[in-house]
Amino acid sequence: MKLIVQIPCLNEETTLPEALRSIPRQIPGVDTVEVLVVDDGSTDRTSAVAREHGADHVVRFPRRKGLAYGFMAGLDACVRLGADVIVNTDADNQYPGSDIPKLIAPILAGEADMVIGDRRVSEVAHFSWTKRRLQELGSWVVRKVSGTDVPDTTSGFRALTRDAALRLNIVSEFTYTLETIIQAGKKKMAIAHVPIEAQETRPSRLFSSTWDYVKRSGATILRIYAMYEPFKVFILLGSALFFSGVALGLRYAYFWWMGDIRGHIQSAILSVLLLILGFQTLQWGIMADLIASNRKLLEDVLYRVRRAELDPPDRRG
């Protein structure tokens, strides 16, 4: 059993040494523990510091590509290096390395494909009241969209099996945290969560303001949900447009029946426009659903290709 802990980094030469020291190298049930650092185009000595302080592997990009890209590049590298279990953590020491054995326990017990570290956001003292409420609201939305029960969906402290890593395909350029949970839920993976401690860190570099975070996270959730449930999205929008047109049409018909159509021609025009838009949107929903079916087939083909490429014959079953 081989565990690789991956750490995405961006200019973390100051905090990275402590993060590396906190990772346990001996864990019951695990034969080998290795550390992989993903340097997302840092302009400081992050890569050199990683090597100096015991990182087994370093993946470095010549320019910044974003957290989501770095996360997926790390998963790909871990799988190529033979990892059976992959743990993702941060370089700013928000997540204590001592919680890694607890995090991977459900995977070692065969109970989960993915495990999320639950920071118990409502109890984190160094989070502002606004941040706690937004985190709770965002997690509730993701739970509803993904059909999971993960209480802390934005936590970056998570563990995955090798098979789960092969099945994930991140398309967002903003963050991987929300998308991976939605994908895992739609792909019927077994997802567990365990309570962890969250330590106070510097402000996030992922977003410039709370509004920016809310806006980009909302767009990510809507985009990923539309990828996996396009017919539901389009049927709701199309139905709203269509029945609004019907309502306006009935209103115009009422005035026509009463012999008073002067001043109501606008309702008739708007009704026709809404009926056309509603019908077209429903058609788009059917087409999007067919495309989504093809995407699922392509994802399965990609999964099989990646397994054939990365797994030795004795792993393929």
C-alpha atoms as a PDB file:
ATOM      1  CA  MET A   1       0.000   0.000   0.000  1.00  0.00           C
ATOM      2  CA  LYS A   2       1.564   3.241  -1.178  1.00  0.00           C
ATOM      3  CA  LEU A   3       0.375   6.670  -0.037  1.00  0.00           C
ATOM      4  CA  ILE A   4       1.463   9.877  -1.764  1.00  0.00           C
ATOM      5  CA  VAL A   5       0.693  13.242  -0.176  1.00  0.00           C
ATOM      6  CA  GLN A   6       0.476  15.980  -2.794  1.00  0.00           C
ATOM      7  CA  ILE A   7       0.916  19.655  -1.927  1.00  0.00           C
ATOM      8  CA  PRO A   8      -0.024  22.301  -4.524  1.00  0.00           C
ATOM      9  CA  CYS A   9       2.146  25.393  -3.970  1.00  0.00           C
ATOM     10  CA  LEU A  10       2.459  28.978  -5.137  1.00  0.00           C
ATOM     11  CA  ASN A  11       5.283  30.979  -3.520  1.00  0.00           C
ATOM     12  CA  GLU A  12       5.259  28.924  -0.323  1.00  0.00           C
ATOM     13  CA  GLU A  13       8.980  28.848   0.520  1.00  0.00           C
ATOM     14  CA  THR A  14       8.238  30.193   4.024  1.00  0.00           C
ATOM     15  CA  THR A  15       5.477  27.812   5.124  1.00  0.00           C
ATOM     16  CA  LEU A  16       6.359  24.720   3.085  1.00  0.00           C
ATOM     17  CA  PRO A  17       9.126  23.389   5.401  1.00  0.00           C
ATOM     18  CA  GLU A  18       6.713  23.155   8.341  1.00  0.00           C
ATOM     19  CA  ALA A  19       4.072  21.502   6.146  1.00  0.00           C
ATOM     20  CA  LEU A  20       6.606  18.891   5.023  1.00  0.00           C
ATOM     21  CA  ARG A  21       7.771  18.228   8.589  1.00  0.00           C
ATOM     22  CA  SER A  22       4.189  17.657   9.747  1.00  0.00           C
ATOM     23  CA  ILE A  23       3.541  14.796   7.308  1.00  0.00           C
ATOM     24  CA  PRO A  24       3.931  11.416   9.061  1.00  0.00           C
ATOM     25  CA  ARG A  25       6.198   8.978   7.249  1.00  0.00           C
ATOM     26  CA  GLN A  26       4.955   5.928   9.158  1.00  0.00           C
ATOM     27  CA  ILE A  27       1.210   5.170   9.101  1.00  0.00           C
ATOM     28  CA  PRO A  28      -0.391   1.867  10.208  1.00  0.00           C
ATOM     29  CA  GLY A  29      -1.707  -0.036   7.185  1.00  0.00           C
ATOM     30  CA  VAL A  30       0.535   1.879   4.750  1.00  0.00           C
ATOM     31  CA  ASP A  31       3.837   0.462   3.510  1.00  0.00           C
ATOM     32  CA  THR A  32       5.258   3.603   1.891  1.00  0.00           C
ATOM     33  CA  VAL A  33       4.557   7.315   2.370  1.00  0.00           C
ATOM     34  CA  GLU A  34       5.910   9.767  -0.202  1.00  0.00           C
ATOM     35  CA  VAL A  35       5.419  13.497  -0.744  1.00  0.00           C
ATOM     36  CA  LEU A  36       4.883  15.244  -4.071  1.00  0.00           C
ATOM     37  CA  VAL A  37       5.025  19.035  -4.358  1.00  0.00           C
ATOM     38  CA  VAL A  38       3.287  20.748  -7.287  1.00  0.00           C
ATOM     39  CA  ASP A  39       4.906  24.142  -7.870  1.00  0.00           C
ATOM     40  CA  ASP A  40       2.443  26.296  -9.806  1.00  0.00           C
ATOM     41  CA  GLY A  41       4.962  28.681 -11.373  1.00  0.00           C
ATOM     42  CA  SER A  42       6.324  30.095  -8.119  1.00  0.00           C
ATOM     43  CA  THR A  43       8.687  33.060  -8.376  1.00  0.00           C
ATOM     44  CA  ASP A  44      10.484  32.214  -5.125  1.00  0.00           C
ATOM     45  CA  ARG A  45      12.495  29.146  -4.035  1.00  0.00           C
ATOM     46  CA  THR A  46       9.491  26.883  -3.467  1.00  0.00           C
ATOM     47  CA  SER A  47      10.825  24.006  -5.600  1.00  0.00           C
ATOM     48  CA  ALA A  48      14.308  24.204  -4.100  1.00  0.00           C
ATOM     49  CA  VAL A  49      12.929  24.378  -0.567  1.00  0.00           C
ATOM     50  CA  ALA A  50      10.735  21.335  -1.290  1.00  0.00           C
ATOM     51  CA  ARG A  51      13.767  19.282  -2.318  1.00  0.00           C
ATOM     52  CA  GLU A  52      15.859  20.560   0.596  1.00  0.00           C
ATOM     53  CA  HIS A  53      13.209  19.569   3.147  1.00  0.00           C
ATOM     54  CA  GLY A  54      12.479  16.037   2.034  1.00  0.00           C
ATOM     55  CA  ALA A  55       9.926  16.135  -0.784  1.00  0.00           C
ATOM     56  CA  ASP A  56      10.288  12.917  -2.790  1.00  0.00           C
ATOM     57  CA  HIS A  57       8.929  14.372  -6.037  1.00  0.00           C
ATOM     58  CA  VAL A  58       8.509  17.892  -7.435  1.00  0.00           C
ATOM     59  CA  VAL A  59       6.355  18.873 -10.418  1.00  0.00           C
ATOM     60  CA  ARG A  60       7.058  22.429 -11.503  1.00  0.00           C
ATOM     61  CA  PHE A  61       5.243  24.607 -14.067  1.00  0.00           C
ATOM     62  CA  PRO A  62       7.258  27.420 -15.715  1.00  0.00           C
ATOM     63  CA  ARG A  63       4.244  29.735 -15.341  1.00  0.00           C
ATOM     64  CA  ARG A  64       1.131  29.798 -13.185  1.00  0.00           C
ATOM     65  CA  LYS A  65      -1.690  27.551 -14.423  1.00  0.00           C
ATOM     66  CA  GLY A  66      -4.133  27.683 -11.531  1.00  0.00           C
ATOM     67  CA  LEU A  67      -5.085  25.569  -8.537  1.00  0.00           C
ATOM     68  CA  ALA A  68      -7.439  23.233 -10.401  1.00  0.00           C
ATOM     69  CA  TYR A  69      -4.823  22.441 -13.055  1.00  0.00           C
ATOM     70  CA  GLY A  70      -2.183  21.870 -10.384  1.00  0.00           C
ATOM     71  CA  PHE A  71      -4.492  19.525  -8.489  1.00  0.00           C
ATOM     72  CA  MET A  72      -5.133  17.390 -11.571  1.00  0.00           C
ATOM     73  CA  ALA A  73      -1.457  17.399 -12.552  1.00  0.00           C
ATOM     74  CA  GLY A  74      -0.668  16.183  -9.047  1.00  0.00           C
ATOM     75  CA  LEU A  75      -3.208  13.366  -9.266  1.00  0.00           C
ATOM     76  CA  ASP A  76      -1.816  12.289 -12.621  1.00  0.00           C
ATOM     77  CA  ALA A  77       1.745  12.302 -11.279  1.00  0.00           C
ATOM     78  CA  CYS A  78       0.731  10.366  -8.147  1.00  0.00           C
ATOM     79  CA  VAL A  79      -0.991   7.685 -10.215  1.00  0.00           C
ATOM     80  CA  ARG A  80       2.048   7.403 -12.492  1.00  0.00           C
ATOM     81  CA  LEU A  81       4.231   6.996  -9.402  1.00  0.00           C
ATOM     82  CA  GLY A  82       2.138   4.032  -8.266  1.00  0.00           C
ATOM     83  CA  ALA A  83       0.037   5.594  -5.495  1.00  0.00           C
ATOM     84  CA  ASP A  84      -2.771   3.448  -4.088  1.00  0.00           C
ATOM     85  CA  VAL A  85      -4.063   6.342  -1.968  1.00  0.00           C
ATOM     86  CA  ILE A  86      -3.567  10.065  -2.606  1.00  0.00           C
ATOM     87  CA  VAL A  87      -3.929  12.791   0.017  1.00  0.00           C
ATOM     88  CA  ASN A  88      -4.200  16.448  -1.005  1.00  0.00           C
ATOM     89  CA  THR A  89      -3.233  19.094   1.522  1.00  0.00           C
ATOM     90  CA  ASP A  90      -2.175  22.747   1.561  1.00  0.00           C
ATOM     91  CA  ALA A  91       1.283  24.241   1.986  1.00  0.00           C
ATOM     92  CA  ASP A  92       0.060  26.973   4.370  1.00  0.00           C
ATOM     93  CA  ASN A  93      -0.389  24.513   7.272  1.00  0.00           C
ATOM     94  CA  GLN A  94      -4.142  24.999   7.507  1.00  0.00           C
ATOM     95  CA  TYR A  95      -4.536  21.217   7.728  1.00  0.00           C
ATOM     96  CA  PRO A  96      -2.370  19.386  10.308  1.00  0.00           C
ATOM     97  CA  GLY A  97      -0.406  16.451   8.914  1.00  0.00           C
ATOM     98  CA  SER A  98      -1.177  14.493  12.080  1.00  0.00           C
ATOM     99  CA  ASP A  99      -4.766  14.104  10.829  1.00  0.00           C
ATOM    100  CA  ILE A 100      -3.694  12.173   7.706  1.00  0.00           C
ATOM    101  CA  PRO A 101      -4.079   8.712   9.355  1.00  0.00           C
ATOM    102  CA  LYS A 102      -7.611   9.674  10.401  1.00  0.00           C
ATOM    103  CA  LEU A 103      -8.369  10.993   6.922  1.00  0.00           C
ATOM    104  CA  ILE A 104      -7.367   7.817   5.077  1.00  0.00           C
ATOM    105  CA  ALA A 105      -8.900   5.400   7.613  1.00  0.00           C
ATOM    106  CA  PRO A 106     -12.245   5.007   5.719  1.00  0.00           C
ATOM    107  CA  ILE A 107     -10.317   4.219   2.524  1.00  0.00           C
ATOM    108  CA  LEU A 108      -8.099   1.639   4.220  1.00  0.00           C
ATOM    109  CA  ALA A 109     -11.255   0.074   5.671  1.00  0.00           C
ATOM    110  CA  GLY A 110     -12.768  -0.185   2.181  1.00  0.00           C
ATOM    111  CA  GLU A 111     -15.635   2.153   3.085  1.00  0.00           C
ATOM    112  CA  ALA A 112     -14.928   5.125   0.814  1.00  0.00           C
ATOM    113  CA  ASP A 113     -13.489   6.188  -2.529  1.00  0.00           C
ATOM    114  CA  MET A 114     -13.023   9.769  -1.359  1.00  0.00           C
ATOM    115  CA  VAL A 115     -12.751  11.278   2.123  1.00  0.00           C
ATOM    116  CA  ILE A 116     -13.145  14.993   2.896  1.00  0.00           C
ATOM    117  CA  GLY A 117     -11.681  16.626   5.988  1.00  0.00           C
ATOM    118  CA  ASP A 118     -14.482  18.468   7.799  1.00  0.00           C
ATOM    119  CA  ARG A 119     -13.184  21.658   9.443  1.00  0.00           C
ATOM    120  CA  ARG A 120     -16.535  22.134  11.244  1.00  0.00           C
ATOM    121  CA  VAL A 121     -16.761  25.611   9.778  1.00  0.00           C
ATOM    122  CA  SER A 122     -19.388  26.866  12.226  1.00  0.00           C
ATOM    123  CA  GLU A 123     -16.899  26.320  15.075  1.00  0.00           C
ATOM    124  CA  VAL A 124     -13.766  27.805  13.456  1.00  0.00           C
ATOM    125  CA  ALA A 125     -12.990  30.876  15.560  1.00  0.00           C
ATOM    126  CA  HIS A 126     -10.651  32.595  13.092  1.00  0.00           C
ATOM    127  CA  PHE A 127     -13.322  32.596  10.353  1.00  0.00           C
ATOM    128  CA  SER A 128     -15.448  35.741  10.257  1.00  0.00           C
ATOM    129  CA  TRP A 129     -19.219  35.471  10.734  1.00  0.00           C
ATOM    130  CA  THR A 130     -19.735  36.267   7.040  1.00  0.00           C
ATOM    131  CA  LYS A 131     -17.231  33.639   5.912  1.00  0.00           C
ATOM    132  CA  ARG A 132     -18.829  30.963   8.118  1.00  0.00           C
ATOM    133  CA  ARG A 133     -22.310  31.720   6.774  1.00  0.00           C
ATOM    134  CA  LEU A 134     -21.126  31.744   3.153  1.00  0.00           C
ATOM    135  CA  GLN A 135     -19.213  28.490   3.626  1.00  0.00           C
ATOM    136  CA  GLU A 136     -22.273  26.841   5.151  1.00  0.00           C
ATOM    137  CA  LEU A 137     -24.559  28.127   2.392  1.00  0.00           C
ATOM    138  CA  GLY A 138     -22.150  27.038  -0.331  1.00  0.00           C
ATOM    139  CA  SER A 139     -21.777  23.571   1.185  1.00  0.00           C
ATOM    140  CA  TRP A 140     -25.569  23.216   1.401  1.00  0.00           C
ATOM    141  CA  VAL A 141     -25.914  24.099  -2.295  1.00  0.00           C
ATOM    142  CA  VAL A 142     -23.199  21.612  -3.297  1.00  0.00           C
ATOM    143  CA  ARG A 143     -24.835  18.875  -1.195  1.00  0.00           C
ATOM    144  CA  LYS A 144     -28.140  19.444  -2.975  1.00  0.00           C
ATOM    145  CA  VAL A 145     -26.517  19.547  -6.403  1.00  0.00           C
ATOM    146  CA  SER A 146     -24.247  16.529  -5.872  1.00  0.00           C
ATOM    147  CA  GLY A 147     -26.577  14.350  -3.800  1.00  0.00           C
ATOM    148  CA  THR A 148     -23.924  13.898  -1.104  1.00  0.00           C
ATOM    149  CA  ASP A 149     -23.801  14.720   2.604  1.00  0.00           C
ATOM    150  CA  VAL A 150     -20.372  16.403   2.773  1.00  0.00           C
ATOM    151  CA  PRO A 151     -20.606  19.170   5.418  1.00  0.00           C
ATOM    152  CA  ASP A 152     -17.468  21.088   4.342  1.00  0.00           C
ATOM    153  CA  THR A 153     -17.302  21.040   0.557  1.00  0.00           C
ATOM    154  CA  THR A 154     -14.570  23.687   0.226  1.00  0.00           C
ATOM    155  CA  SER A 155     -12.060  21.788   2.339  1.00  0.00           C
ATOM    156  CA  GLY A 156      -8.898  21.028   0.358  1.00  0.00           C
ATOM    157  CA  PHE A 157      -7.831  18.317   2.798  1.00  0.00           C
ATOM    158  CA  ARG A 158      -9.022  15.146   1.132  1.00  0.00           C
ATOM    159  CA  ALA A 159      -7.999  11.603   0.302  1.00  0.00           C
ATOM    160  CA  LEU A 160      -8.774   9.578  -2.819  1.00  0.00           C
ATOM    161  CA  THR A 161      -8.264   6.046  -3.966  1.00  0.00           C
ATOM    162  CA  ARG A 162      -6.282   5.398  -7.110  1.00  0.00           C
ATOM    163  CA  ASP A 163      -9.451   4.452  -8.965  1.00  0.00           C
ATOM    164  CA  ALA A 164     -11.227   7.651  -7.892  1.00  0.00           C
ATOM    165  CA  ALA A 165      -8.284   9.723  -9.110  1.00  0.00           C
ATOM    166  CA  LEU A 166      -8.482   8.028 -12.510  1.00  0.00           C
ATOM    167  CA  ARG A 167     -12.197   8.815 -12.807  1.00  0.00           C
ATOM    168  CA  LEU A 168     -12.010  12.544 -12.041  1.00  0.00           C
ATOM    169  CA  ASN A 169     -11.794  15.066 -14.891  1.00  0.00           C
ATOM    170  CA  ILE A 170     -11.604  18.675 -13.738  1.00  0.00           C
ATOM    171  CA  VAL A 171     -12.703  21.297 -16.272  1.00  0.00           C
ATOM    172  CA  SER A 172     -12.916  24.331 -13.980  1.00  0.00           C
ATOM    173  CA  GLU A 173      -9.965  26.718 -13.928  1.00  0.00           C
ATOM    174  CA  PHE A 174     -10.932  28.201 -10.556  1.00  0.00           C
ATOM    175  CA  THR A 175     -10.851  25.441  -7.965  1.00  0.00           C
ATOM    176  CA  TYR A 176     -11.156  21.671  -7.718  1.00  0.00           C
ATOM    177  CA  THR A 177     -12.928  21.429  -4.345  1.00  0.00           C
ATOM    178  CA  LEU A 178     -16.530  21.885  -5.484  1.00  0.00           C
ATOM    179  CA  GLU A 179     -16.227  20.177  -8.856  1.00  0.00           C
ATOM    180  CA  THR A 180     -14.651  16.992  -7.514  1.00  0.00           C
ATOM    181  CA  ILE A 181     -17.493  16.510  -5.026  1.00  0.00           C
ATOM    182  CA  ILE A 182     -20.185  17.129  -7.639  1.00  0.00           C
ATOM    183  CA  GLN A 183     -18.462  14.743 -10.051  1.00  0.00           C
ATOM    184  CA  ALA A 184     -17.989  12.099  -7.360  1.00  0.00           C
ATOM    185  CA  GLY A 185     -21.646  12.356  -6.383  1.00  0.00           C
ATOM    186  CA  LYS A 186     -22.859  12.065  -9.981  1.00  0.00           C
ATOM    187  CA  LYS A 187     -20.516   9.117 -10.582  1.00  0.00           C
ATOM    188  CA  LYS A 188     -21.884   7.340  -7.477  1.00  0.00           C
ATOM    189  CA  MET A 189     -18.579   7.200  -5.642  1.00  0.00           C
ATOM    190  CA  ALA A 190     -18.599   6.413  -1.938  1.00  0.00           C
ATOM    191  CA  ILE A 191     -17.785   9.699  -0.156  1.00  0.00           C
ATOM    192  CA  ALA A 192     -17.014   9.963   3.554  1.00  0.00           C
ATOM    193  CA  HIS A 193     -15.986  12.836   5.802  1.00  0.00           C
ATOM    194  CA  VAL A 194     -14.046  12.996   9.057  1.00  0.00           C
ATOM    195  CA  PRO A 195     -13.653  15.891  11.532  1.00  0.00           C
ATOM    196  CA  ILE A 196     -10.286  17.652  11.475  1.00  0.00           C
ATOM    197  CA  GLU A 197      -8.705  20.686  13.075  1.00  0.00           C
ATOM    198  CA  ALA A 198      -8.256  23.854  11.007  1.00  0.00           C
ATOM    199  CA  GLN A 199      -5.377  26.175  11.846  1.00  0.00           C
ATOM    200  CA  GLU A 200      -5.342  29.901  11.127  1.00  0.00           C
ATOM    201  CA  THR A 201      -3.456  30.872   7.963  1.00  0.00           C
ATOM    202  CA  ARG A 202      -2.777  33.869   5.752  1.00  0.00           C
ATOM    203  CA  PRO A 203      -5.625  35.212   3.522  1.00  0.00           C
ATOM    204  CA  SER A 204      -6.400  33.080   0.498  1.00  0.00           C
ATOM    205  CA  ARG A 205      -4.635  33.854  -2.791  1.00  0.00           C
ATOM    206  CA  LEU A 206      -7.340  32.133  -4.804  1.00  0.00           C
ATOM    207  CA  PHE A 207      -9.714  35.112  -4.857  1.00  0.00           C
ATOM    208  CA  SER A 208      -9.449  38.863  -4.353  1.00  0.00           C
ATOM    209  CA  SER A 209     -12.632  39.406  -2.325  1.00  0.00           C
ATOM    210  CA  THR A 210     -15.587  37.604  -0.794  1.00  0.00           C
ATOM    211  CA  TRP A 211     -17.816  38.722  -3.673  1.00  0.00           C
ATOM    212  CA  ASP A 212     -15.290  37.386  -6.195  1.00  0.00           C
ATOM    213  CA  TYR A 213     -15.282  34.022  -4.403  1.00  0.00           C
ATOM    214  CA  VAL A 214     -19.094  33.827  -4.289  1.00  0.00           C
ATOM    215  CA  LYS A 215     -19.411  34.801  -7.954  1.00  0.00           C
ATOM    216  CA  ARG A 216     -16.810  32.339  -9.247  1.00  0.00           C
ATOM    217  CA  SER A 217     -17.959  29.500  -6.984  1.00  0.00           C
ATOM    218  CA  GLY A 218     -21.577  29.998  -8.050  1.00  0.00           C
ATOM    219  CA  ALA A 219     -20.579  29.938 -11.717  1.00  0.00           C
ATOM    220  CA  THR A 220     -18.571  26.745 -11.138  1.00  0.00           C
ATOM    221  CA  ILE A 221     -21.476  24.986  -9.399  1.00  0.00           C
ATOM    222  CA  LEU A 222     -23.962  25.985 -12.121  1.00  0.00           C
ATOM    223  CA  ARG A 223     -21.598  24.968 -14.904  1.00  0.00           C
ATOM    224  CA  ILE A 224     -20.798  21.546 -13.464  1.00  0.00           C
ATOM    225  CA  TYR A 225     -24.438  20.827 -12.583  1.00  0.00           C
ATOM    226  CA  ALA A 226     -25.466  21.773 -16.117  1.00  0.00           C
ATOM    227  CA  MET A 227     -22.827  19.351 -17.459  1.00  0.00           C
ATOM    228  CA  TYR A 228     -24.280  16.433 -15.535  1.00  0.00           C
ATOM    229  CA  GLU A 229     -27.975  17.400 -15.430  1.00  0.00           C
ATOM    230  CA  PRO A 230     -28.510  19.538 -18.545  1.00  0.00           C
ATOM    231  CA  PHE A 231     -32.085  18.420 -19.151  1.00  0.00           C
ATOM    232  CA  LYS A 232     -33.145  19.503 -15.655  1.00  0.00           C
ATOM    233  CA  VAL A 233     -31.532  22.920 -16.117  1.00  0.00           C
ATOM    234  CA  PHE A 234     -33.057  23.527 -19.535  1.00  0.00           C
ATOM    235  CA  ILE A 235     -36.452  22.059 -18.647  1.00  0.00           C
ATOM    236  CA  LEU A 236     -36.766  24.461 -15.705  1.00  0.00           C
ATOM    237  CA  LEU A 237     -35.700  27.476 -17.758  1.00  0.00           C
ATOM    238  CA  GLY A 238     -37.745  26.456 -20.797  1.00  0.00           C
ATOM    239  CA  SER A 239     -40.837  25.729 -18.726  1.00  0.00           C
ATOM    240  CA  ALA A 240     -40.587  29.116 -17.002  1.00  0.00           C
ATOM    241  CA  LEU A 241     -40.411  30.897 -20.359  1.00  0.00           C
ATOM    242  CA  PHE A 242     -43.111  28.748 -21.980  1.00  0.00           C
ATOM    243  CA  PHE A 243     -45.685  29.059 -19.191  1.00  0.00           C
ATOM    244  CA  SER A 244     -45.011  32.794 -18.862  1.00  0.00           C
ATOM    245  CA  GLY A 245     -45.904  33.032 -22.544  1.00  0.00           C
ATOM    246  CA  VAL A 246     -49.023  30.946 -21.988  1.00  0.00           C
ATOM    247  CA  ALA A 247     -50.081  33.194 -19.091  1.00  0.00           C
ATOM    248  CA  LEU A 248     -49.658  36.344 -21.163  1.00  0.00           C
ATOM    249  CA  GLY A 249     -51.459  34.688 -24.074  1.00  0.00           C
ATOM    250  CA  LEU A 250     -54.413  33.811 -21.860  1.00  0.00           C
ATOM    251  CA  ARG A 251     -54.462  37.372 -20.554  1.00  0.00           C
ATOM    252  CA  TYR A 252     -54.639  38.698 -24.102  1.00  0.00           C
ATOM    253  CA  ALA A 253     -57.320  36.109 -24.994  1.00  0.00           C
ATOM    254  CA  TYR A 254     -59.412  37.295 -22.040  1.00  0.00           C
ATOM    255  CA  PHE A 255     -59.328  40.904 -23.200  1.00  0.00           C
ATOM    256  CA  TRP A 256     -60.013  39.788 -26.776  1.00  0.00           C
ATOM    257  CA  TRP A 257     -63.057  37.832 -25.579  1.00  0.00           C
ATOM    258  CA  MET A 258     -64.272  40.896 -23.689  1.00  0.00           C
ATOM    259  CA  GLY A 259     -63.844  42.969 -26.849  1.00  0.00           C
ATOM    260  CA  ASP A 260     -61.146  45.190 -25.392  1.00  0.00           C
ATOM    261  CA  ILE A 261     -57.841  44.544 -27.150  1.00  0.00           C
ATOM    262  CA  ARG A 262     -56.696  48.131 -27.478  1.00  0.00           C
ATOM    263  CA  GLY A 263     -53.520  48.675 -25.420  1.00  0.00           C
ATOM    264  CA  HIS A 264     -52.899  44.930 -24.971  1.00  0.00           C
ATOM    265  CA  ILE A 265     -51.152  44.109 -28.222  1.00  0.00           C
ATOM    266  CA  GLN A 266     -47.813  44.232 -26.356  1.00  0.00           C
ATOM    267  CA  SER A 267     -48.950  41.258 -24.273  1.00  0.00           C
ATOM    268  CA  ALA A 268     -49.658  39.278 -27.426  1.00  0.00           C
ATOM    269  CA  ILE A 269     -46.238  40.048 -28.905  1.00  0.00           C
ATOM    270  CA  LEU A 270     -44.400  39.241 -25.690  1.00  0.00           C
ATOM    271  CA  SER A 271     -46.438  36.057 -25.316  1.00  0.00           C
ATOM    272  CA  VAL A 272     -45.387  34.851 -28.764  1.00  0.00           C
ATOM    273  CA  LEU A 273     -41.721  35.665 -28.048  1.00  0.00           C
ATOM    274  CA  LEU A 274     -41.777  33.808 -24.724  1.00  0.00           C
ATOM    275  CA  LEU A 275     -43.496  30.786 -26.278  1.00  0.00           C
ATOM    276  CA  ILE A 276     -40.859  30.618 -29.028  1.00  0.00           C
ATOM    277  CA  LEU A 277     -37.968  31.033 -26.558  1.00  0.00           C
ATOM    278  CA  GLY A 278     -39.477  28.452 -24.199  1.00  0.00           C
ATOM    279  CA  PHE A 279     -39.936  25.906 -26.982  1.00  0.00           C
ATOM    280  CA  GLN A 280     -36.395  26.489 -28.284  1.00  0.00           C
ATOM    281  CA  THR A 281     -34.953  26.156 -24.781  1.00  0.00           C
ATOM    282  CA  LEU A 282     -36.718  22.818 -24.322  1.00  0.00           C
ATOM    283  CA  GLN A 283     -35.209  21.682 -27.640  1.00  0.00           C
ATOM    284  CA  TRP A 284     -31.768  22.768 -26.445  1.00  0.00           C
ATOM    285  CA  GLY A 285     -32.352  20.729 -23.294  1.00  0.00           C
ATOM    286  CA  ILE A 286     -32.973  17.577 -25.319  1.00  0.00           C
ATOM    287  CA  MET A 287     -29.834  18.211 -27.399  1.00  0.00           C
ATOM    288  CA  ALA A 288     -27.751  18.963 -24.277  1.00  0.00           C
ATOM    289  CA  ASP A 289     -28.988  15.755 -22.660  1.00  0.00           C
ATOM    290  CA  LEU A 290     -27.875  13.762 -25.705  1.00  0.00           C
ATOM    291  CA  ILE A 291     -24.474  15.471 -25.571  1.00  0.00           C
ATOM    292  CA  ALA A 292     -24.228  14.667 -21.846  1.00  0.00           C
ATOM    293  CA  SER A 293     -24.888  11.001 -22.621  1.00  0.00           C
ATOM    294  CA  ASN A 294     -22.016  11.039 -25.108  1.00  0.00           C
ATOM    295  CA  ARG A 295     -19.804  12.778 -22.523  1.00  0.00           C
ATOM    296  CA  LYS A 296     -20.446   9.971 -20.053  1.00  0.00           C
ATOM    297  CA  LEU A 297     -19.414   7.418 -22.657  1.00  0.00           C
ATOM    298  CA  LEU A 298     -16.274   9.427 -23.439  1.00  0.00           C
ATOM    299  CA  GLU A 299     -15.420   9.670 -19.737  1.00  0.00           C
ATOM    300  CA  ASP A 300     -15.699   5.901 -19.438  1.00  0.00           C
ATOM    301  CA  VAL A 301     -13.434   5.465 -22.467  1.00  0.00           C
ATOM    302  CA  LEU A 302     -10.939   7.937 -20.990  1.00  0.00           C
ATOM    303  CA  TYR A 303     -10.989   6.054 -17.681  1.00  0.00           C
ATOM    304  CA  ARG A 304     -10.251   2.763 -19.447  1.00  0.00           C
ATOM    305  CA  VAL A 305      -7.455   4.341 -21.496  1.00  0.00           C
ATOM    306  CA  ARG A 306      -5.861   5.866 -18.411  1.00  0.00           C
ATOM    307  CA  ARG A 307      -6.036   2.547 -16.592  1.00  0.00           C
ATOM    308  CA  ALA A 308      -4.474   0.748 -19.531  1.00  0.00           C
ATOM    309  CA  GLU A 309      -1.746   3.371 -19.740  1.00  0.00           C
ATOM    310  CA  LEU A 310      -0.970   3.772 -16.036  1.00  0.00           C
ATOM    311  CA  ASP A 311      -1.896   0.490 -14.350  1.00  0.00           C
ATOM    312  CA  PRO A 312       0.318  -2.605 -14.586  1.00  0.00           C
ATOM    313  CA  PRO A 313      -1.524  -5.768 -15.731  1.00  0.00           C
ATOM    314  CA  ASP A 314      -1.984  -7.092 -12.173  1.00  0.00           C
ATOM    315  CA  ARG A 315      -3.976  -3.943 -11.203  1.00  0.00           C
ATOM    316  CA  ARG A 316      -6.456  -4.040 -14.072  1.00  0.00           C
ATOM    317  CA  GLY A 317      -8.519  -6.907 -12.723  1.00  0.00           C
END
